[in-house]
Amino acid sequence: MPAVDVIEQHCPGAISRREQFRDNTRLIVPVDKIYDSLRVLKEKGGFDLLVDITAVDYLHFPDARDRFGVVYCLTNTATGERVVLKTLVNDPDPEVPSVCDLWRGADWMEREVYDMYGIAFANHPDLRRILMPDGFAGHPLRKDYPLRGYGERHNFQPLVRSEG
C-alpha cells in the first residue's frame, strides 16, 4: 500500500499537503502528528529505512509562513518506494519529537540538526552537539548566522598537520 494510503488509513487528517516530484512523494504533516505518521509508516507501511533527517531554514523565503522545515526521507526496502515527510516549526523554541525509538540511526541525524539549526528533539536520549565544540554559540546553518561567524574562531586552538 502506498505511503499516502497508509497514513490516511491509520492517521486520518495527518497530511496537510501532498506534492509529487518525479517518482517521489512529499507529504507535509503538522508537528503534532509527525511522530504518529512516521510510526505508522514504519510499522504498517514497511518503511524500514530512515535515509536522512535534515532541516531547511525558510527565513528569507518570500512566501514562507514558518521558519524551519524538518525533513524525513524514508524508503521501503522491499518495494523501493520512497517518501519524504516534512513538518514545520518556528522560533523561539523549535522542537519536534525524537524518532530514535523507531530508528536507532536517527540518533546522530537528530543531533546534527540540533547542532546546526538549533531544533530540539523531545525525548532524545542524548541531545548534545555533535559537529561543533561544546562551547560554540549559535547554529551555523541558520540563515541569520553571519557568514564570518561571531568572531569565535580566535577561541579555538589551531591544529597543525603534524598533530592530526
C-alpha atoms as a PDB file:
ATOM      1  CA  MET A   1       0.000   0.000   0.000  1.00  0.00           C
ATOM      2  CA  PRO A   2       1.443   3.446  -0.898  1.00  0.00           C
ATOM      3  CA  ALA A   3       2.632   5.677   1.949  1.00  0.00           C
ATOM      4  CA  VAL A   4      -0.173   8.193   1.462  1.00  0.00           C
ATOM      5  CA  ASP A   5      -2.827   5.491   1.825  1.00  0.00           C
ATOM      6  CA  VAL A   6      -1.141   4.044   4.934  1.00  0.00           C
ATOM      7  CA  ILE A   7      -1.132   7.414   6.675  1.00  0.00           C
ATOM      8  CA  GLU A   8      -4.687   8.298   5.613  1.00  0.00           C
ATOM      9  CA  GLN A   9      -5.959   4.935   6.859  1.00  0.00           C
ATOM     10  CA  HIS A  10      -4.179   4.926  10.239  1.00  0.00           C
ATOM     11  CA  CYS A  11      -3.756   8.679  10.930  1.00  0.00           C
ATOM     12  CA  PRO A  12      -6.705  10.383   9.253  1.00  0.00           C
ATOM     13  CA  GLY A  13      -6.215  14.099   8.714  1.00  0.00           C
ATOM     14  CA  ALA A  14      -2.443  13.959   9.295  1.00  0.00           C
ATOM     15  CA  ILE A  15      -1.479  15.053   5.788  1.00  0.00           C
ATOM     16  CA  SER A  16      -1.941  18.784   5.324  1.00  0.00           C
ATOM     17  CA  ARG A  17      -0.420  18.882   1.826  1.00  0.00           C
ATOM     18  CA  ARG A  18       0.811  16.365  -0.740  1.00  0.00           C
ATOM     19  CA  GLU A  19       3.329  17.010  -3.519  1.00  0.00           C
ATOM     20  CA  GLN A  20       4.700  14.819  -6.312  1.00  0.00           C
ATOM     21  CA  PHE A  21       8.056  15.407  -7.934  1.00  0.00           C
ATOM     22  CA  ARG A  22       9.146  12.824 -10.470  1.00  0.00           C
ATOM     23  CA  ASP A  23       8.773   9.497  -8.655  1.00  0.00           C
ATOM     24  CA  ASN A  24       8.957  10.944  -5.129  1.00  0.00           C
ATOM     25  CA  THR A  25       6.034  11.732  -2.864  1.00  0.00           C
ATOM     26  CA  ARG A  26       6.390  14.605  -0.399  1.00  0.00           C
ATOM     27  CA  LEU A  27       3.931  14.956   2.464  1.00  0.00           C
ATOM     28  CA  ILE A  28       3.577  17.966   4.748  1.00  0.00           C
ATOM     29  CA  VAL A  29       2.453  16.856   8.213  1.00  0.00           C
ATOM     30  CA  PRO A  30       1.763  19.070  11.275  1.00  0.00           C
ATOM     31  CA  VAL A  31       4.316  18.714  14.066  1.00  0.00           C
ATOM     32  CA  ASP A  32       1.744  17.225  16.458  1.00  0.00           C
ATOM     33  CA  LYS A  33       1.096  14.354  14.008  1.00  0.00           C
ATOM     34  CA  ILE A  34       4.617  13.750  12.660  1.00  0.00           C
ATOM     35  CA  TYR A  35       5.626  11.061  15.159  1.00  0.00           C
ATOM     36  CA  ASP A  36       2.437   9.038  14.666  1.00  0.00           C
ATOM     37  CA  SER A  37       2.748   9.345  10.883  1.00  0.00           C
ATOM     38  CA  LEU A  38       6.335   8.126  10.920  1.00  0.00           C
ATOM     39  CA  ARG A  39       5.496   5.290  13.320  1.00  0.00           C
ATOM     40  CA  VAL A  40       2.626   4.136  11.108  1.00  0.00           C
ATOM     41  CA  LEU A  41       4.806   4.251   8.007  1.00  0.00           C
ATOM     42  CA  LYS A  42       7.385   2.051   9.712  1.00  0.00           C
ATOM     43  CA  GLU A  43       5.025  -0.410  11.383  1.00  0.00           C
ATOM     44  CA  LYS A  44       2.214  -0.650   8.825  1.00  0.00           C
ATOM     45  CA  GLY A  45       3.795   0.617   5.611  1.00  0.00           C
ATOM     46  CA  GLY A  46       7.101  -1.245   5.691  1.00  0.00           C
ATOM     47  CA  PHE A  47       9.268   1.890   5.566  1.00  0.00           C
ATOM     48  CA  ASP A  48      12.136   0.250   7.374  1.00  0.00           C
ATOM     49  CA  LEU A  49      14.959   2.569   6.283  1.00  0.00           C
ATOM     50  CA  LEU A  50      15.333   6.094   7.600  1.00  0.00           C
ATOM     51  CA  VAL A  51      17.600   7.564   4.933  1.00  0.00           C
ATOM     52  CA  ASP A  52      18.009  11.054   6.357  1.00  0.00           C
ATOM     53  CA  ILE A  53      16.746  13.717   8.706  1.00  0.00           C
ATOM     54  CA  THR A  54      17.616  17.273   7.809  1.00  0.00           C
ATOM     55  CA  ALA A  55      16.214  20.766   8.076  1.00  0.00           C
ATOM     56  CA  VAL A  56      15.607  23.841   5.951  1.00  0.00           C
ATOM     57  CA  ASP A  57      15.664  27.433   7.177  1.00  0.00           C
ATOM     58  CA  TYR A  58      12.996  29.462   5.345  1.00  0.00           C
ATOM     59  CA  LEU A  59      13.977  32.805   6.929  1.00  0.00           C
ATOM     60  CA  HIS A  60      14.200  34.873   3.712  1.00  0.00           C
ATOM     61  CA  PHE A  61      11.815  32.866   1.535  1.00  0.00           C
ATOM     62  CA  PRO A  62       9.164  35.310   0.277  1.00  0.00           C
ATOM     63  CA  ASP A  63       6.133  33.026   0.684  1.00  0.00           C
ATOM     64  CA  ALA A  64       7.235  31.139   3.812  1.00  0.00           C
ATOM     65  CA  ARG A  65       4.994  31.376   6.859  1.00  0.00           C
ATOM     66  CA  ASP A  66       7.158  29.107   9.013  1.00  0.00           C
ATOM     67  CA  ARG A  67      10.833  29.418   9.927  1.00  0.00           C
ATOM     68  CA  PHE A  68      12.041  25.805   9.730  1.00  0.00           C
ATOM     69  CA  GLY A  69      11.116  22.611   7.958  1.00  0.00           C
ATOM     70  CA  VAL A  70      12.314  19.306   9.412  1.00  0.00           C
ATOM     71  CA  VAL A  71      12.562  16.733   6.620  1.00  0.00           C
ATOM     72  CA  TYR A  72      12.443  12.940   6.981  1.00  0.00           C
ATOM     73  CA  CYS A  73      13.406  10.740   4.000  1.00  0.00           C
ATOM     74  CA  LEU A  74      12.170   7.145   4.205  1.00  0.00           C
ATOM     75  CA  THR A  75      12.487   4.086   1.990  1.00  0.00           C
ATOM     76  CA  ASN A  76      10.617   0.798   1.912  1.00  0.00           C
ATOM     77  CA  THR A  77      13.469  -1.587   1.073  1.00  0.00           C
ATOM     78  CA  ALA A  78      11.096  -4.346  -0.031  1.00  0.00           C
ATOM     79  CA  THR A  79       9.253  -2.261  -2.639  1.00  0.00           C
ATOM     80  CA  GLY A  80      11.737   0.533  -3.287  1.00  0.00           C
ATOM     81  CA  GLU A  81       9.090   3.168  -2.557  1.00  0.00           C
ATOM     82  CA  ARG A  82      10.416   6.435  -1.168  1.00  0.00           C
ATOM     83  CA  VAL A  83       8.579   9.115   0.712  1.00  0.00           C
ATOM     84  CA  VAL A  84       9.593  12.446   2.194  1.00  0.00           C
ATOM     85  CA  LEU A  85       7.731  13.854   5.192  1.00  0.00           C
ATOM     86  CA  LYS A  86       8.175  17.461   6.251  1.00  0.00           C
ATOM     87  CA  THR A  87       6.957  19.221   9.349  1.00  0.00           C
ATOM     88  CA  LEU A  88       7.196  22.945  10.062  1.00  0.00           C
ATOM     89  CA  VAL A  89       8.367  24.552  13.322  1.00  0.00           C
ATOM     90  CA  ASN A  90       9.084  28.094  14.457  1.00  0.00           C
ATOM     91  CA  ASP A  91      11.182  30.168  16.840  1.00  0.00           C
ATOM     92  CA  PRO A  92      11.659  30.858  19.698  1.00  0.00           C
ATOM     93  CA  ASP A  93      11.912  27.161  20.654  1.00  0.00           C
ATOM     94  CA  PRO A  94      11.581  24.923  17.594  1.00  0.00           C
ATOM     95  CA  GLU A  95      11.007  21.326  18.690  1.00  0.00           C
ATOM     96  CA  VAL A  96       9.871  18.042  17.166  1.00  0.00           C
ATOM     97  CA  PRO A  97       9.526  14.596  18.757  1.00  0.00           C
ATOM     98  CA  SER A  98      12.521  12.289  18.511  1.00  0.00           C
ATOM     99  CA  VAL A  99      12.206   9.128  16.405  1.00  0.00           C
ATOM    100  CA  CYS A 100      15.218   7.377  17.967  1.00  0.00           C
ATOM    101  CA  ASP A 101      12.907   4.733  19.409  1.00  0.00           C
ATOM    102  CA  LEU A 102      11.699   3.929  15.867  1.00  0.00           C
ATOM    103  CA  TRP A 103      15.063   4.014  14.072  1.00  0.00           C
ATOM    104  CA  ARG A 104      18.276   3.833  16.111  1.00  0.00           C
ATOM    105  CA  GLY A 105      20.102   5.593  13.286  1.00  0.00           C
ATOM    106  CA  ALA A 106      18.074   8.745  13.957  1.00  0.00           C
ATOM    107  CA  ASP A 107      20.288   9.457  16.969  1.00  0.00           C
ATOM    108  CA  TRP A 108      23.142  11.216  15.182  1.00  0.00           C
ATOM    109  CA  MET A 109      20.937  12.691  12.458  1.00  0.00           C
ATOM    110  CA  GLU A 110      18.807  14.459  15.076  1.00  0.00           C
ATOM    111  CA  ARG A 111      21.916  15.632  16.903  1.00  0.00           C
ATOM    112  CA  GLU A 112      23.263  17.111  13.669  1.00  0.00           C
ATOM    113  CA  VAL A 113      20.025  19.041  13.032  1.00  0.00           C
ATOM    114  CA  TYR A 114      20.068  20.222  16.644  1.00  0.00           C
ATOM    115  CA  ASP A 115      23.690  21.343  16.357  1.00  0.00           C
ATOM    116  CA  MET A 116      23.406  23.111  13.001  1.00  0.00           C
ATOM    117  CA  TYR A 117      19.867  24.592  13.253  1.00  0.00           C
ATOM    118  CA  GLY A 118      19.010  24.634  16.966  1.00  0.00           C
ATOM    119  CA  ILE A 119      15.905  22.475  16.503  1.00  0.00           C
ATOM    120  CA  ALA A 120      15.369  20.330  19.601  1.00  0.00           C
ATOM    121  CA  PHE A 121      14.112  16.747  19.545  1.00  0.00           C
ATOM    122  CA  ALA A 122      11.873  15.945  22.509  1.00  0.00           C
ATOM    123  CA  ASN A 123      12.748  12.697  24.335  1.00  0.00           C
ATOM    124  CA  HIS A 124      16.058  12.280  22.522  1.00  0.00           C
ATOM    125  CA  PRO A 125      18.320  10.035  24.643  1.00  0.00           C
ATOM    126  CA  ASP A 126      21.454  12.226  24.339  1.00  0.00           C
ATOM    127  CA  LEU A 127      20.751  15.561  22.640  1.00  0.00           C
ATOM    128  CA  ARG A 128      24.054  17.437  22.565  1.00  0.00           C
ATOM    129  CA  ARG A 129      26.361  18.935  19.967  1.00  0.00           C
ATOM    130  CA  ILE A 130      27.935  16.525  17.522  1.00  0.00           C
ATOM    131  CA  LEU A 131      29.791  18.701  14.988  1.00  0.00           C
ATOM    132  CA  MET A 132      30.604  21.950  16.768  1.00  0.00           C
ATOM    133  CA  PRO A 133      32.583  22.284  20.035  1.00  0.00           C
ATOM    134  CA  ASP A 134      30.593  22.282  23.285  1.00  0.00           C
ATOM    135  CA  GLY A 135      31.242  25.965  23.960  1.00  0.00           C
ATOM    136  CA  PHE A 136      30.191  27.082  20.475  1.00  0.00           C
ATOM    137  CA  ALA A 137      27.456  29.719  20.498  1.00  0.00           C
ATOM    138  CA  GLY A 138      24.922  29.700  17.703  1.00  0.00           C
ATOM    139  CA  HIS A 139      23.816  27.381  14.926  1.00  0.00           C
ATOM    140  CA  PRO A 140      25.864  27.775  11.718  1.00  0.00           C
ATOM    141  CA  LEU A 141      23.256  26.675   9.162  1.00  0.00           C
ATOM    142  CA  ARG A 142      20.638  29.205  10.225  1.00  0.00           C
ATOM    143  CA  LYS A 143      20.189  31.960   7.649  1.00  0.00           C
ATOM    144  CA  ASP A 144      20.715  34.647  10.286  1.00  0.00           C
ATOM    145  CA  TYR A 145      24.114  33.268  11.325  1.00  0.00           C
ATOM    146  CA  PRO A 146      26.834  35.604   9.955  1.00  0.00           C
ATOM    147  CA  LEU A 147      28.997  34.218   7.148  1.00  0.00           C
ATOM    148  CA  ARG A 148      32.162  35.064   9.049  1.00  0.00           C
ATOM    149  CA  GLY A 149      30.759  33.896  12.385  1.00  0.00           C
ATOM    150  CA  TYR A 150      30.590  35.871  15.585  1.00  0.00           C
ATOM    151  CA  GLY A 151      34.381  36.087  15.994  1.00  0.00           C
ATOM    152  CA  GLU A 152      34.569  32.745  17.763  1.00  0.00           C
ATOM    153  CA  ARG A 153      37.398  31.344  15.629  1.00  0.00           C
ATOM    154  CA  HIS A 154      40.079  33.011  17.727  1.00  0.00           C
ATOM    155  CA  ASN A 155      38.933  30.949  20.737  1.00  0.00           C
ATOM    156  CA  PHE A 156      39.848  27.608  19.161  1.00  0.00           C
ATOM    157  CA  GLN A 157      43.334  26.183  19.206  1.00  0.00           C
ATOM    158  CA  PRO A 158      44.643  25.829  15.636  1.00  0.00           C
ATOM    159  CA  LEU A 159      45.547  22.308  14.576  1.00  0.00           C
ATOM    160  CA  VAL A 160      48.670  21.645  12.601  1.00  0.00           C
ATOM    161  CA  ARG A 161      49.168  18.720  10.252  1.00  0.00           C
ATOM    162  CA  SER A 162      51.764  17.022  12.471  1.00  0.00           C
ATOM    163  CA  GLU A 163      49.243  16.838  15.353  1.00  0.00           C
ATOM    164  CA  GLY A 164      46.486  15.324  13.236  1.00  0.00           C
END
